[in-house]
Amino acid sequence: MKFDKIIFVCTGNTCRSPMAEYMMKYQWQDKDNTEIISRGIAAFSHEPMNPKTVRALEVNEIPYEQRTAKALNEKDLEGRVLILTMTQGHKLSFKNAGKKDDYPVIYTIKEFAGEDGDVKDPYGMSERAYDLCYLELERLIGKVINRLKGDE
């Protein structure tokens, strides 16, 4: 299944989802014309990426752009969209969302990668927590890419 857009979703769009967005953009070199973005369920506009997220990306040499948090909106859901949430709770928040045709397709990132559980939020925790989140997302992104390539 090909997607026009892949959206990583977390709570505030300052830690996990932007980290996943930039990791995916970096790792998935043959993404064709698929747009890769991140959004938050409860994002406050103009809030920058968490400095510990920026540090984790820089330490691992992942290119990124300075950005501010963005909330998910109706326009984001246009086209063939795959939403990968960080938690089951985020996924459940879409339960009442209106679907057009078979889109958006919604999974937790772990479900899509063939695993159980949630990606824990490092917000307010140590740099080590962000490093562990990075390592977990790096592993999951690899599995997501493999699944997407298998679906082609």
N, C-alpha and C. Protein backbone atom coordinates (compact mmCIF):
# COMPACT_ATOMS: atom_id res chain seq x y z
N MET A 1 0.85 -1.17 0.00
CA MET A 1 0.00 0.00 0.00
C MET A 1 0.90 1.24 0.00
N LYS A 2 0.65 2.13 -0.91
CA LYS A 2 1.42 3.37 -0.99
C LYS A 2 0.64 4.49 -0.30
N PHE A 3 1.37 5.37 0.33
CA PHE A 3 0.77 6.49 1.04
C PHE A 3 1.28 7.81 0.47
N ASP A 4 0.39 8.80 0.45
CA ASP A 4 0.79 10.16 0.06
C ASP A 4 1.52 10.84 1.21
N LYS A 5 1.14 10.45 2.43
CA LYS A 5 1.65 11.14 3.60
C LYS A 5 1.74 10.16 4.77
N ILE A 6 2.81 10.30 5.55
CA ILE A 6 2.96 9.57 6.81
C ILE A 6 3.06 10.62 7.90
N ILE A 7 2.20 10.49 8.91
CA ILE A 7 2.16 11.45 10.01
C ILE A 7 2.48 10.74 11.32
N PHE A 8 3.54 11.18 11.99
CA PHE A 8 3.86 10.69 13.33
C PHE A 8 3.15 11.60 14.33
N VAL A 9 2.45 10.99 15.30
CA VAL A 9 1.64 11.77 16.23
C VAL A 9 2.02 11.42 17.68
N CYS A 10 2.24 12.49 18.46
CA CYS A 10 2.41 12.34 19.91
C CYS A 10 1.54 13.39 20.58
N THR A 11 1.82 13.71 21.81
CA THR A 11 0.96 14.65 22.54
C THR A 11 1.23 16.09 22.13
N GLY A 12 2.44 16.59 22.39
CA GLY A 12 2.71 18.01 22.19
C GLY A 12 3.50 18.36 20.95
N ASN A 13 3.97 17.36 20.19
CA ASN A 13 4.74 17.56 18.97
C ASN A 13 6.04 18.33 19.22
N THR A 14 6.68 18.03 20.37
CA THR A 14 7.98 18.64 20.67
C THR A 14 9.07 17.61 20.95
N CYS A 15 8.69 16.35 21.18
CA CYS A 15 9.68 15.34 21.55
C CYS A 15 9.64 14.14 20.59
N ARG A 16 8.74 13.19 20.85
CA ARG A 16 8.75 11.92 20.12
C ARG A 16 8.40 12.05 18.65
N SER A 17 7.30 12.73 18.32
CA SER A 17 6.89 12.75 16.92
C SER A 17 7.86 13.51 16.02
N PRO A 18 8.42 14.68 16.43
CA PRO A 18 9.41 15.29 15.53
C PRO A 18 10.69 14.46 15.43
N MET A 19 11.06 13.79 16.52
CA MET A 19 12.23 12.92 16.47
C MET A 19 11.99 11.83 15.43
N ALA A 20 10.82 11.20 15.47
CA ALA A 20 10.48 10.14 14.50
C ALA A 20 10.42 10.70 13.08
N GLU A 21 9.85 11.90 12.92
CA GLU A 21 9.75 12.52 11.60
C GLU A 21 11.13 12.67 10.96
N TYR A 22 12.07 13.27 11.68
CA TYR A 22 13.38 13.52 11.09
C TYR A 22 14.18 12.24 10.91
N MET A 23 14.00 11.28 11.80
CA MET A 23 14.68 9.99 11.64
C MET A 23 14.16 9.29 10.38
N MET A 24 12.84 9.32 10.18
CA MET A 24 12.25 8.68 9.00
C MET A 24 12.72 9.36 7.72
N LYS A 25 12.73 10.68 7.71
CA LYS A 25 13.19 11.42 6.53
C LYS A 25 14.63 11.06 6.20
N TYR A 26 15.45 10.87 7.22
CA TYR A 26 16.86 10.56 7.03
C TYR A 26 17.06 9.10 6.59
N GLN A 27 16.35 8.18 7.22
CA GLN A 27 16.57 6.75 6.97
C GLN A 27 15.90 6.24 5.70
N TRP A 28 14.76 6.81 5.34
CA TRP A 28 14.01 6.28 4.19
C TRP A 28 14.38 7.08 2.94
N GLN A 29 15.48 6.68 2.34
CA GLN A 29 16.03 7.41 1.20
C GLN A 29 15.17 7.29 -0.05
N ASP A 30 14.46 6.18 -0.22
CA ASP A 30 13.68 5.95 -1.45
C ASP A 30 12.18 6.15 -1.21
N LYS A 31 11.85 7.24 -0.52
CA LYS A 31 10.46 7.48 -0.12
C LYS A 31 9.57 7.99 -1.25
N ASP A 32 10.12 8.12 -2.46
CA ASP A 32 9.36 8.64 -3.59
C ASP A 32 8.80 10.01 -3.24
N ASN A 33 7.51 10.18 -3.41
CA ASN A 33 6.89 11.48 -3.15
C ASN A 33 6.08 11.48 -1.86
N THR A 34 6.37 10.57 -0.96
CA THR A 34 5.63 10.50 0.29
C THR A 34 6.05 11.65 1.20
N GLU A 35 5.09 12.42 1.65
CA GLU A 35 5.36 13.51 2.59
C GLU A 35 5.42 12.91 4.00
N ILE A 36 6.42 13.30 4.76
CA ILE A 36 6.60 12.82 6.12
C ILE A 36 6.55 14.03 7.05
N ILE A 37 5.58 14.00 7.97
CA ILE A 37 5.40 15.11 8.90
C ILE A 37 5.11 14.56 10.30
N SER A 38 5.05 15.47 11.26
CA SER A 38 4.64 15.09 12.62
C SER A 38 3.68 16.14 13.14
N ARG A 39 2.81 15.68 14.03
CA ARG A 39 1.79 16.55 14.62
C ARG A 39 1.55 16.12 16.06
N GLY A 40 0.83 16.96 16.79
CA GLY A 40 0.47 16.66 18.18
C GLY A 40 -1.02 16.66 18.38
N ILE A 41 -1.47 15.86 19.32
CA ILE A 41 -2.88 15.82 19.69
C ILE A 41 -3.24 17.08 20.48
N ALA A 42 -2.32 17.52 21.34
CA ALA A 42 -2.55 18.70 22.18
C ALA A 42 -1.37 19.66 22.05
N ALA A 43 -0.98 19.95 20.81
CA ALA A 43 0.18 20.81 20.57
C ALA A 43 -0.17 22.28 20.76
N PHE A 44 0.77 23.02 21.36
CA PHE A 44 0.64 24.47 21.48
C PHE A 44 1.44 25.10 20.35
N SER A 45 0.77 25.82 19.49
CA SER A 45 1.44 26.45 18.36
C SER A 45 2.61 27.30 18.83
N HIS A 46 3.63 27.30 18.05
CA HIS A 46 4.83 28.11 18.27
C HIS A 46 5.73 27.59 19.39
N GLU A 47 5.42 26.44 19.99
CA GLU A 47 6.33 25.87 20.97
C GLU A 47 7.44 25.15 20.20
N PRO A 48 8.72 25.46 20.50
CA PRO A 48 9.81 24.84 19.75
C PRO A 48 10.03 23.38 20.14
N MET A 49 10.81 22.68 19.31
CA MET A 49 11.19 21.32 19.68
C MET A 49 11.93 21.39 21.01
N ASN A 50 11.75 20.37 21.80
CA ASN A 50 12.43 20.29 23.08
C ASN A 50 13.94 20.29 22.84
N PRO A 51 14.72 21.06 23.60
CA PRO A 51 16.17 21.09 23.42
C PRO A 51 16.83 19.71 23.55
N LYS A 52 16.24 18.84 24.36
CA LYS A 52 16.82 17.49 24.51
C LYS A 52 16.53 16.65 23.26
N THR A 53 15.43 16.92 22.58
CA THR A 53 15.16 16.27 21.29
C THR A 53 16.18 16.73 20.26
N VAL A 54 16.41 18.03 20.23
CA VAL A 54 17.41 18.59 19.30
C VAL A 54 18.77 17.97 19.56
N ARG A 55 19.16 17.88 20.83
CA ARG A 55 20.46 17.29 21.19
C ARG A 55 20.56 15.85 20.73
N ALA A 56 19.49 15.07 20.94
CA ALA A 56 19.51 13.65 20.52
C ALA A 56 19.68 13.54 19.01
N LEU A 57 19.01 14.39 18.26
CA LEU A 57 19.15 14.38 16.80
C LEU A 57 20.57 14.78 16.40
N GLU A 58 21.10 15.82 17.02
CA GLU A 58 22.44 16.28 16.67
C GLU A 58 23.52 15.26 17.01
N VAL A 59 23.43 14.66 18.19
CA VAL A 59 24.41 13.65 18.61
C VAL A 59 24.44 12.48 17.62
N ASN A 60 23.27 12.17 17.07
CA ASN A 60 23.17 11.04 16.13
C ASN A 60 23.25 11.48 14.67
N GLU A 61 23.61 12.75 14.45
CA GLU A 61 23.83 13.31 13.12
C GLU A 61 22.62 13.16 12.19
N ILE A 62 21.44 13.38 12.76
CA ILE A 62 20.20 13.36 11.98
C ILE A 62 19.88 14.80 11.58
N PRO A 63 19.81 15.10 10.28
CA PRO A 63 19.46 16.45 9.86
C PRO A 63 18.04 16.81 10.28
N TYR A 64 17.86 18.05 10.70
CA TYR A 64 16.54 18.52 11.12
C TYR A 64 16.46 20.00 10.83
N GLU A 65 15.25 20.52 10.89
CA GLU A 65 15.02 21.95 10.76
C GLU A 65 14.40 22.43 12.06
N GLN A 66 14.79 23.62 12.49
CA GLN A 66 14.11 24.19 13.66
C GLN A 66 12.65 24.39 13.28
N ARG A 67 11.77 23.97 14.14
CA ARG A 67 10.35 24.02 13.85
C ARG A 67 9.58 24.26 15.13
N THR A 68 8.32 24.55 14.97
CA THR A 68 7.46 24.71 16.14
C THR A 68 6.37 23.64 16.08
N ALA A 69 5.78 23.40 17.23
CA ALA A 69 4.74 22.37 17.35
C ALA A 69 3.54 22.72 16.48
N LYS A 70 2.94 21.67 15.95
CA LYS A 70 1.73 21.84 15.15
C LYS A 70 0.71 20.80 15.57
N ALA A 71 -0.53 21.24 15.68
CA ALA A 71 -1.63 20.32 15.99
C ALA A 71 -2.13 19.69 14.70
N LEU A 72 -2.59 18.47 14.80
CA LEU A 72 -3.18 17.78 13.67
C LEU A 72 -4.45 18.49 13.24
N ASN A 73 -4.64 18.65 11.93
CA ASN A 73 -5.85 19.31 11.44
C ASN A 73 -6.44 18.53 10.27
N GLU A 74 -7.60 18.93 9.84
CA GLU A 74 -8.33 18.23 8.77
C GLU A 74 -7.52 18.16 7.48
N LYS A 75 -6.83 19.23 7.13
CA LYS A 75 -6.05 19.26 5.89
C LYS A 75 -4.96 18.18 5.90
N ASP A 76 -4.39 17.91 7.09
CA ASP A 76 -3.36 16.87 7.20
C ASP A 76 -3.89 15.51 6.78
N LEU A 77 -5.19 15.29 6.91
CA LEU A 77 -5.77 13.97 6.67
C LEU A 77 -6.23 13.76 5.23
N GLU A 78 -5.94 14.70 4.34
CA GLU A 78 -6.35 14.56 2.94
C GLU A 78 -5.41 13.62 2.20
N GLY A 79 -5.99 12.77 1.37
CA GLY A 79 -5.20 11.83 0.58
C GLY A 79 -5.05 10.49 1.28
N ARG A 80 -4.11 9.72 0.78
CA ARG A 80 -3.83 8.39 1.36
C ARG A 80 -2.83 8.57 2.49
N VAL A 81 -3.34 8.59 3.71
CA VAL A 81 -2.55 8.95 4.88
C VAL A 81 -2.36 7.75 5.80
N LEU A 82 -1.13 7.59 6.27
CA LEU A 82 -0.80 6.63 7.32
C LEU A 82 -0.44 7.44 8.56
N ILE A 83 -1.18 7.21 9.64
CA ILE A 83 -0.90 7.85 10.92
C ILE A 83 -0.25 6.82 11.83
N LEU A 84 0.90 7.18 12.37
CA LEU A 84 1.61 6.33 13.33
C LEU A 84 1.70 7.09 14.64
N THR A 85 0.93 6.63 15.62
CA THR A 85 0.89 7.30 16.93
C THR A 85 1.93 6.69 17.86
N MET A 86 2.28 7.42 18.88
CA MET A 86 3.26 6.93 19.85
C MET A 86 2.63 6.04 20.92
N THR A 87 1.32 6.21 21.16
CA THR A 87 0.66 5.41 22.19
C THR A 87 -0.72 4.95 21.73
N GLN A 88 -1.22 3.98 22.43
CA GLN A 88 -2.58 3.49 22.18
C GLN A 88 -3.59 4.60 22.47
N GLY A 89 -3.32 5.42 23.49
CA GLY A 89 -4.20 6.54 23.81
C GLY A 89 -4.31 7.53 22.67
N HIS A 90 -3.18 7.82 22.03
CA HIS A 90 -3.21 8.71 20.87
C HIS A 90 -4.05 8.09 19.75
N LYS A 91 -3.87 6.80 19.56
CA LYS A 91 -4.63 6.11 18.50
C LYS A 91 -6.13 6.17 18.81
N LEU A 92 -6.50 5.95 20.05
CA LEU A 92 -7.92 5.97 20.43
C LEU A 92 -8.55 7.34 20.24
N SER A 93 -7.73 8.39 20.28
CA SER A 93 -8.28 9.73 20.07
C SER A 93 -8.80 9.91 18.65
N PHE A 94 -8.39 9.04 17.75
CA PHE A 94 -8.87 9.09 16.36
C PHE A 94 -10.12 8.24 16.14
N LYS A 95 -10.54 7.51 17.16
CA LYS A 95 -11.64 6.57 17.01
C LYS A 95 -12.89 7.20 16.42
N ASN A 96 -13.18 8.42 16.81
CA ASN A 96 -14.38 9.08 16.32
C ASN A 96 -14.12 9.98 15.12
N ALA A 97 -12.88 9.99 14.66
CA ALA A 97 -12.55 10.83 13.50
C ALA A 97 -13.24 10.26 12.26
N GLY A 98 -13.78 11.14 11.45
CA GLY A 98 -14.43 10.70 10.22
C GLY A 98 -13.41 10.19 9.22
N LYS A 99 -13.68 9.04 8.64
CA LYS A 99 -12.78 8.47 7.66
C LYS A 99 -13.40 8.61 6.28
N LYS A 100 -12.55 8.95 5.33
CA LYS A 100 -12.99 8.99 3.94
C LYS A 100 -12.39 7.78 3.27
N ASP A 101 -13.21 6.97 2.65
CA ASP A 101 -12.74 5.73 2.03
C ASP A 101 -12.06 4.89 3.10
N ASP A 102 -10.85 4.43 2.83
CA ASP A 102 -10.12 3.62 3.79
C ASP A 102 -9.02 4.41 4.49
N TYR A 103 -9.08 5.72 4.40
CA TYR A 103 -8.02 6.55 4.97
C TYR A 103 -8.61 7.53 5.97
N PRO A 104 -7.86 7.94 6.96
CA PRO A 104 -6.48 7.55 7.21
C PRO A 104 -6.38 6.15 7.80
N VAL A 105 -5.22 5.54 7.57
CA VAL A 105 -4.88 4.26 8.18
C VAL A 105 -4.16 4.61 9.47
N ILE A 106 -4.60 4.04 10.59
CA ILE A 106 -4.07 4.44 11.90
C ILE A 106 -3.55 3.22 12.66
N TYR A 107 -2.31 3.31 13.08
CA TYR A 107 -1.66 2.32 13.92
C TYR A 107 -0.84 3.05 14.98
N THR A 108 -0.52 2.36 16.07
CA THR A 108 0.59 2.87 16.88
C THR A 108 1.84 2.49 16.11
N ILE A 109 2.92 3.20 16.32
CA ILE A 109 4.16 2.89 15.61
C ILE A 109 4.61 1.47 15.96
N LYS A 110 4.39 1.06 17.20
CA LYS A 110 4.79 -0.30 17.59
C LYS A 110 3.93 -1.35 16.90
N GLU A 111 2.63 -1.12 16.79
CA GLU A 111 1.77 -2.06 16.07
C GLU A 111 2.24 -2.23 14.63
N PHE A 112 2.48 -1.11 13.97
CA PHE A 112 2.89 -1.15 12.56
C PHE A 112 4.23 -1.89 12.41
N ALA A 113 5.07 -1.78 13.44
CA ALA A 113 6.38 -2.45 13.43
C ALA A 113 6.30 -3.89 13.92
N GLY A 114 5.09 -4.35 14.30
CA GLY A 114 4.93 -5.73 14.75
C GLY A 114 5.24 -5.95 16.22
N GLU A 115 5.10 -4.91 17.02
CA GLU A 115 5.39 -4.99 18.45
C GLU A 115 4.18 -4.53 19.25
N ASP A 116 4.25 -4.74 20.56
CA ASP A 116 3.21 -4.29 21.48
C ASP A 116 3.73 -3.15 22.34
N GLY A 117 2.82 -2.36 22.87
CA GLY A 117 3.18 -1.33 23.83
C GLY A 117 3.23 0.06 23.23
N ASP A 118 3.66 0.99 24.07
CA ASP A 118 3.73 2.40 23.70
C ASP A 118 5.18 2.88 23.73
N VAL A 119 5.44 3.97 23.02
CA VAL A 119 6.72 4.67 23.13
C VAL A 119 6.53 5.70 24.24
N LYS A 120 7.28 5.52 25.32
CA LYS A 120 7.12 6.37 26.49
C LYS A 120 7.59 7.80 26.21
N ASP A 121 6.89 8.74 26.81
CA ASP A 121 7.19 10.16 26.64
C ASP A 121 8.37 10.54 27.53
N PRO A 122 9.46 11.07 26.95
CA PRO A 122 10.61 11.48 27.77
C PRO A 122 10.47 12.90 28.32
N TYR A 123 9.37 13.58 27.99
CA TYR A 123 9.21 14.99 28.37
C TYR A 123 9.45 15.18 29.87
N GLY A 124 10.30 16.15 30.19
CA GLY A 124 10.59 16.47 31.59
C GLY A 124 11.60 15.53 32.24
N MET A 125 12.14 14.61 31.46
CA MET A 125 13.09 13.65 32.01
C MET A 125 14.52 14.01 31.59
N SER A 126 15.45 13.15 31.93
CA SER A 126 16.87 13.40 31.67
C SER A 126 17.24 13.21 30.20
N GLU A 127 18.44 13.67 29.85
CA GLU A 127 18.95 13.44 28.50
C GLU A 127 19.01 11.94 28.21
N ARG A 128 19.32 11.16 29.21
CA ARG A 128 19.37 9.69 29.04
C ARG A 128 18.01 9.16 28.57
N ALA A 129 16.92 9.68 29.11
CA ALA A 129 15.58 9.25 28.70
C ALA A 129 15.36 9.57 27.22
N TYR A 130 15.82 10.72 26.78
CA TYR A 130 15.71 11.10 25.36
C TYR A 130 16.57 10.19 24.49
N ASP A 131 17.77 9.85 24.99
CA ASP A 131 18.64 8.94 24.24
C ASP A 131 17.99 7.56 24.09
N LEU A 132 17.36 7.09 25.16
CA LEU A 132 16.68 5.79 25.10
C LEU A 132 15.48 5.85 24.15
N CYS A 133 14.75 6.96 24.17
CA CYS A 133 13.64 7.16 23.26
C CYS A 133 14.15 7.16 21.82
N TYR A 134 15.25 7.84 21.59
CA TYR A 134 15.86 7.87 20.25
C TYR A 134 16.18 6.46 19.78
N LEU A 135 16.83 5.68 20.63
CA LEU A 135 17.22 4.31 20.25
C LEU A 135 15.99 3.45 19.95
N GLU A 136 14.95 3.60 20.75
CA GLU A 136 13.72 2.85 20.51
C GLU A 136 13.10 3.26 19.17
N LEU A 137 13.01 4.56 18.93
CA LEU A 137 12.43 5.03 17.66
C LEU A 137 13.28 4.63 16.47
N GLU A 138 14.59 4.64 16.63
CA GLU A 138 15.48 4.23 15.53
C GLU A 138 15.18 2.79 15.12
N ARG A 139 15.03 1.92 16.10
CA ARG A 139 14.71 0.51 15.83
C ARG A 139 13.33 0.39 15.17
N LEU A 140 12.35 1.11 15.70
CA LEU A 140 11.00 1.04 15.16
C LEU A 140 10.91 1.61 13.74
N ILE A 141 11.60 2.70 13.48
CA ILE A 141 11.59 3.31 12.15
C ILE A 141 12.16 2.32 11.13
N GLY A 142 13.21 1.61 11.51
CA GLY A 142 13.76 0.57 10.62
C GLY A 142 12.72 -0.47 10.26
N LYS A 143 11.95 -0.90 11.24
CA LYS A 143 10.89 -1.89 10.99
C LYS A 143 9.76 -1.31 10.15
N VAL A 144 9.42 -0.05 10.39
CA VAL A 144 8.37 0.62 9.60
C VAL A 144 8.80 0.68 8.14
N ILE A 145 10.04 1.08 7.91
CA ILE A 145 10.54 1.17 6.53
C ILE A 145 10.53 -0.20 5.86
N ASN A 146 10.97 -1.22 6.57
CA ASN A 146 10.95 -2.57 6.00
C ASN A 146 9.54 -2.99 5.63
N ARG A 147 8.57 -2.67 6.48
CA ARG A 147 7.18 -3.03 6.17
C ARG A 147 6.68 -2.25 4.97
N LEU A 148 6.99 -0.97 4.90
CA LEU A 148 6.56 -0.16 3.76
C LEU A 148 7.18 -0.67 2.47
N LYS A 149 8.43 -1.04 2.51
CA LYS A 149 9.09 -1.58 1.32
C LYS A 149 8.47 -2.90 0.91
N GLY A 150 8.07 -3.70 1.89
CA GLY A 150 7.43 -4.99 1.62
C GLY A 150 6.07 -4.84 0.99
N ASP A 151 5.40 -3.71 1.24
CA ASP A 151 4.07 -3.46 0.71
C ASP A 151 4.11 -2.92 -0.71
N GLU A 152 5.29 -2.56 -1.20
CA GLU A 152 5.37 -1.96 -2.54
C GLU A 152 5.14 -2.98 -3.64
